[in-house]
Amino acid sequence: MPGEDLLTALHREVREETGLDVTECLAYLGSFDYRSGSGRATRQHTFAVTISDGDVVVTEHDLHHWAGAATERPVSDEVRGLLYASFGQ
């Protein structure tokens, strides 16, 4: 949303896209720019967070996946790099 700070956007986006609430923001892992499937220029900010208990309700994506080590994460190379730099797994 225009004028929204990153932490407010984080809480809103997680709630909108998963139905879960961020209870604690543990770390900001970084950001990168990319083009969405529609060709729109986008910046992704990545955080480590604690979330509320509950079932994930996916609203904007086809599926979700919880994983342990960075090598198990089915994510883009950019996200994998941020996770590896932050957690080294």
N, C-alpha and C. Protein backbone atom coordinates (compact mmCIF):
# COMPACT_ATOMS: atom_id res chain seq x y z
N MET A 1 0.83 -1.18 0.00
CA MET A 1 0.00 0.00 0.00
C MET A 1 0.89 1.25 0.00
N PRO A 2 0.53 2.27 -0.73
CA PRO A 2 1.32 3.50 -0.74
C PRO A 2 1.49 4.07 0.67
N GLY A 3 2.73 4.43 1.01
CA GLY A 3 3.01 5.03 2.30
C GLY A 3 3.14 4.04 3.45
N GLU A 4 2.96 2.75 3.18
CA GLU A 4 3.01 1.73 4.23
C GLU A 4 4.46 1.37 4.53
N ASP A 5 4.84 1.30 5.81
CA ASP A 5 6.21 0.90 6.14
C ASP A 5 6.35 -0.61 5.99
N LEU A 6 7.60 -1.09 5.93
CA LEU A 6 7.85 -2.51 5.65
C LEU A 6 7.23 -3.45 6.68
N LEU A 7 7.29 -3.12 7.96
CA LEU A 7 6.74 -4.02 8.97
C LEU A 7 5.22 -4.10 8.89
N THR A 8 4.58 -2.99 8.62
CA THR A 8 3.12 -3.00 8.45
C THR A 8 2.76 -3.84 7.23
N ALA A 9 3.52 -3.66 6.14
CA ALA A 9 3.28 -4.43 4.92
C ALA A 9 3.51 -5.92 5.17
N LEU A 10 4.54 -6.26 5.91
CA LEU A 10 4.82 -7.66 6.25
C LEU A 10 3.62 -8.29 6.94
N HIS A 11 3.13 -7.65 7.99
CA HIS A 11 1.99 -8.19 8.74
C HIS A 11 0.76 -8.33 7.83
N ARG A 12 0.49 -7.32 7.02
CA ARG A 12 -0.68 -7.35 6.14
C ARG A 12 -0.55 -8.44 5.09
N GLU A 13 0.60 -8.51 4.43
CA GLU A 13 0.79 -9.49 3.36
C GLU A 13 0.71 -10.93 3.87
N VAL A 14 1.34 -11.21 5.00
CA VAL A 14 1.27 -12.56 5.56
C VAL A 14 -0.17 -12.93 5.88
N ARG A 15 -0.89 -12.00 6.49
CA ARG A 15 -2.30 -12.25 6.83
C ARG A 15 -3.14 -12.47 5.57
N GLU A 16 -2.96 -11.60 4.57
CA GLU A 16 -3.74 -11.71 3.34
C GLU A 16 -3.44 -12.99 2.57
N GLU A 17 -2.16 -13.38 2.51
CA GLU A 17 -1.77 -14.49 1.66
C GLU A 17 -1.80 -15.85 2.34
N THR A 18 -1.82 -15.88 3.70
CA THR A 18 -1.79 -17.17 4.39
C THR A 18 -2.87 -17.33 5.44
N GLY A 19 -3.49 -16.24 5.88
CA GLY A 19 -4.45 -16.31 6.97
C GLY A 19 -3.80 -16.37 8.33
N LEU A 20 -2.46 -16.29 8.39
CA LEU A 20 -1.73 -16.36 9.66
C LEU A 20 -1.30 -14.96 10.09
N ASP A 21 -1.01 -14.81 11.37
CA ASP A 21 -0.53 -13.54 11.90
C ASP A 21 0.94 -13.64 12.27
N VAL A 22 1.72 -12.61 11.93
CA VAL A 22 3.10 -12.51 12.37
C VAL A 22 3.07 -12.09 13.83
N THR A 23 3.67 -12.90 14.70
CA THR A 23 3.70 -12.56 16.12
C THR A 23 5.02 -11.91 16.52
N GLU A 24 6.08 -12.16 15.71
CA GLU A 24 7.37 -11.55 15.99
C GLU A 24 8.19 -11.51 14.70
N CYS A 25 8.82 -10.40 14.44
CA CYS A 25 9.74 -10.28 13.32
C CYS A 25 11.15 -10.49 13.88
N LEU A 26 11.79 -11.59 13.50
CA LEU A 26 13.09 -11.95 14.05
C LEU A 26 14.25 -11.28 13.34
N ALA A 27 14.13 -11.13 12.02
CA ALA A 27 15.24 -10.54 11.26
C ALA A 27 14.77 -10.14 9.87
N TYR A 28 15.40 -9.10 9.36
CA TYR A 28 15.25 -8.72 7.95
C TYR A 28 16.40 -9.37 7.21
N LEU A 29 16.09 -10.23 6.23
CA LEU A 29 17.13 -11.00 5.55
C LEU A 29 17.65 -10.32 4.29
N GLY A 30 16.91 -9.37 3.74
CA GLY A 30 17.36 -8.67 2.56
C GLY A 30 16.27 -8.57 1.51
N SER A 31 16.65 -8.03 0.35
CA SER A 31 15.68 -7.85 -0.73
C SER A 31 16.36 -8.08 -2.07
N PHE A 32 15.55 -8.24 -3.10
CA PHE A 32 16.04 -8.33 -4.47
C PHE A 32 14.92 -7.91 -5.41
N ASP A 33 15.30 -7.50 -6.60
CA ASP A 33 14.34 -7.07 -7.62
C ASP A 33 14.16 -8.18 -8.65
N TYR A 34 12.96 -8.29 -9.18
CA TYR A 34 12.67 -9.27 -10.22
C TYR A 34 11.45 -8.81 -11.02
N ARG A 35 11.17 -9.50 -12.11
CA ARG A 35 9.97 -9.23 -12.92
C ARG A 35 8.97 -10.33 -12.64
N SER A 36 7.75 -9.95 -12.33
CA SER A 36 6.69 -10.93 -12.07
C SER A 36 6.31 -11.61 -13.38
N GLY A 37 5.46 -12.61 -13.29
CA GLY A 37 4.99 -13.31 -14.48
C GLY A 37 4.34 -12.39 -15.49
N SER A 38 3.75 -11.30 -15.01
CA SER A 38 3.10 -10.33 -15.90
C SER A 38 4.10 -9.32 -16.47
N GLY A 39 5.38 -9.40 -16.02
CA GLY A 39 6.39 -8.48 -16.50
C GLY A 39 6.56 -7.24 -15.64
N ARG A 40 5.79 -7.15 -14.57
CA ARG A 40 5.86 -5.98 -13.67
C ARG A 40 7.13 -6.03 -12.82
N ALA A 41 7.84 -4.90 -12.72
CA ALA A 41 9.02 -4.80 -11.87
C ALA A 41 8.57 -4.87 -10.41
N THR A 42 9.22 -5.75 -9.64
CA THR A 42 8.82 -6.00 -8.26
C THR A 42 10.07 -6.09 -7.38
N ARG A 43 9.96 -5.66 -6.14
CA ARG A 43 11.02 -5.84 -5.15
C ARG A 43 10.48 -6.74 -4.05
N GLN A 44 11.19 -7.82 -3.78
CA GLN A 44 10.79 -8.73 -2.70
C GLN A 44 11.67 -8.49 -1.50
N HIS A 45 11.04 -8.26 -0.35
CA HIS A 45 11.72 -8.14 0.93
C HIS A 45 11.49 -9.45 1.68
N THR A 46 12.54 -10.00 2.30
CA THR A 46 12.45 -11.29 2.96
C THR A 46 12.77 -11.14 4.43
N PHE A 47 11.93 -11.73 5.27
CA PHE A 47 12.06 -11.65 6.72
C PHE A 47 12.05 -13.04 7.33
N ALA A 48 12.64 -13.19 8.50
CA ALA A 48 12.44 -14.37 9.35
C ALA A 48 11.44 -13.95 10.41
N VAL A 49 10.36 -14.70 10.56
CA VAL A 49 9.30 -14.33 11.49
C VAL A 49 8.81 -15.52 12.28
N THR A 50 8.11 -15.23 13.36
CA THR A 50 7.33 -16.22 14.09
C THR A 50 5.88 -15.93 13.74
N ILE A 51 5.12 -16.99 13.50
CA ILE A 51 3.72 -16.81 13.12
C ILE A 51 2.79 -17.48 14.11
N SER A 52 1.53 -17.08 14.07
CA SER A 52 0.50 -17.66 14.92
C SER A 52 0.24 -19.11 14.50
N ASP A 53 -0.31 -19.89 15.43
CA ASP A 53 -0.76 -21.23 15.10
C ASP A 53 -1.99 -21.13 14.21
N GLY A 54 -2.19 -22.13 13.41
CA GLY A 54 -3.37 -22.16 12.56
C GLY A 54 -3.07 -22.80 11.24
N ASP A 55 -4.09 -23.02 10.50
CA ASP A 55 -3.95 -23.61 9.17
C ASP A 55 -3.65 -22.53 8.15
N VAL A 56 -2.76 -22.83 7.23
CA VAL A 56 -2.46 -21.90 6.14
C VAL A 56 -3.64 -21.93 5.17
N VAL A 57 -4.12 -20.74 4.84
CA VAL A 57 -5.16 -20.58 3.83
C VAL A 57 -4.54 -19.78 2.69
N VAL A 58 -4.16 -20.48 1.63
CA VAL A 58 -3.48 -19.85 0.50
C VAL A 58 -4.51 -19.12 -0.35
N THR A 59 -4.27 -17.81 -0.57
CA THR A 59 -5.22 -17.01 -1.33
C THR A 59 -4.65 -16.50 -2.65
N GLU A 60 -3.32 -16.34 -2.76
CA GLU A 60 -2.73 -15.77 -3.96
C GLU A 60 -1.77 -16.71 -4.67
N HIS A 61 -1.59 -17.92 -4.14
CA HIS A 61 -0.66 -18.88 -4.73
C HIS A 61 -1.34 -20.23 -4.83
N ASP A 62 -0.72 -21.14 -5.56
CA ASP A 62 -1.31 -22.46 -5.76
C ASP A 62 -1.06 -23.40 -4.59
N LEU A 63 0.05 -23.21 -3.87
CA LEU A 63 0.38 -24.12 -2.78
C LEU A 63 1.39 -23.46 -1.86
N HIS A 64 1.67 -24.14 -0.73
CA HIS A 64 2.72 -23.71 0.18
C HIS A 64 3.48 -24.94 0.64
N HIS A 65 4.67 -24.72 1.22
CA HIS A 65 5.51 -25.83 1.66
C HIS A 65 6.36 -25.36 2.83
N TRP A 66 6.37 -26.12 3.92
CA TRP A 66 7.26 -25.84 5.04
C TRP A 66 8.49 -26.72 4.86
N ALA A 67 9.67 -26.17 5.07
CA ALA A 67 10.90 -26.94 4.89
C ALA A 67 11.91 -26.57 5.96
N GLY A 68 12.93 -27.44 6.13
CA GLY A 68 13.95 -27.22 7.14
C GLY A 68 15.16 -26.49 6.60
N ALA A 69 16.12 -27.23 6.06
CA ALA A 69 17.38 -26.65 5.59
C ALA A 69 17.19 -25.91 4.27
N ALA A 70 18.12 -24.99 3.99
CA ALA A 70 18.05 -24.19 2.76
C ALA A 70 18.01 -25.07 1.53
N THR A 71 18.67 -26.21 1.58
CA THR A 71 18.70 -27.10 0.42
C THR A 71 17.35 -27.74 0.16
N GLU A 72 16.46 -27.75 1.15
CA GLU A 72 15.14 -28.33 0.99
C GLU A 72 14.11 -27.32 0.51
N ARG A 73 14.44 -26.06 0.57
CA ARG A 73 13.45 -25.03 0.27
C ARG A 73 13.20 -24.91 -1.22
N PRO A 74 11.96 -25.11 -1.66
CA PRO A 74 11.64 -24.98 -3.09
C PRO A 74 11.38 -23.51 -3.43
N VAL A 75 12.46 -22.73 -3.46
CA VAL A 75 12.35 -21.28 -3.66
C VAL A 75 13.27 -20.85 -4.79
N SER A 76 13.16 -19.59 -5.16
CA SER A 76 14.03 -19.05 -6.21
C SER A 76 15.47 -19.01 -5.73
N ASP A 77 16.37 -18.90 -6.68
CA ASP A 77 17.79 -18.79 -6.34
C ASP A 77 18.06 -17.56 -5.48
N GLU A 78 17.34 -16.46 -5.73
CA GLU A 78 17.53 -15.24 -4.95
C GLU A 78 17.13 -15.46 -3.49
N VAL A 79 15.99 -16.08 -3.26
CA VAL A 79 15.55 -16.35 -1.88
C VAL A 79 16.50 -17.35 -1.23
N ARG A 80 16.87 -18.39 -1.96
CA ARG A 80 17.79 -19.38 -1.41
C ARG A 80 19.09 -18.72 -0.97
N GLY A 81 19.60 -17.77 -1.77
CA GLY A 81 20.82 -17.05 -1.40
C GLY A 81 20.66 -16.25 -0.12
N LEU A 82 19.52 -15.57 0.04
CA LEU A 82 19.27 -14.82 1.28
C LEU A 82 19.21 -15.75 2.48
N LEU A 83 18.52 -16.88 2.32
CA LEU A 83 18.39 -17.85 3.42
C LEU A 83 19.74 -18.46 3.78
N TYR A 84 20.52 -18.82 2.78
CA TYR A 84 21.84 -19.40 3.03
C TYR A 84 22.76 -18.39 3.70
N ALA A 85 22.74 -17.14 3.23
CA ALA A 85 23.58 -16.10 3.83
C ALA A 85 23.19 -15.84 5.29
N SER A 86 21.91 -15.98 5.60
CA SER A 86 21.44 -15.70 6.95
C SER A 86 21.56 -16.88 7.89
N PHE A 87 21.32 -18.09 7.38
CA PHE A 87 21.26 -19.26 8.25
C PHE A 87 22.33 -20.29 7.93
N GLY A 88 22.99 -20.19 6.79
CA GLY A 88 24.08 -21.07 6.45
C GLY A 88 23.74 -22.53 6.31
N GLN A 89 22.51 -22.85 6.01
CA GLN A 89 22.13 -24.26 5.86
C GLN A 89 21.74 -24.54 4.44
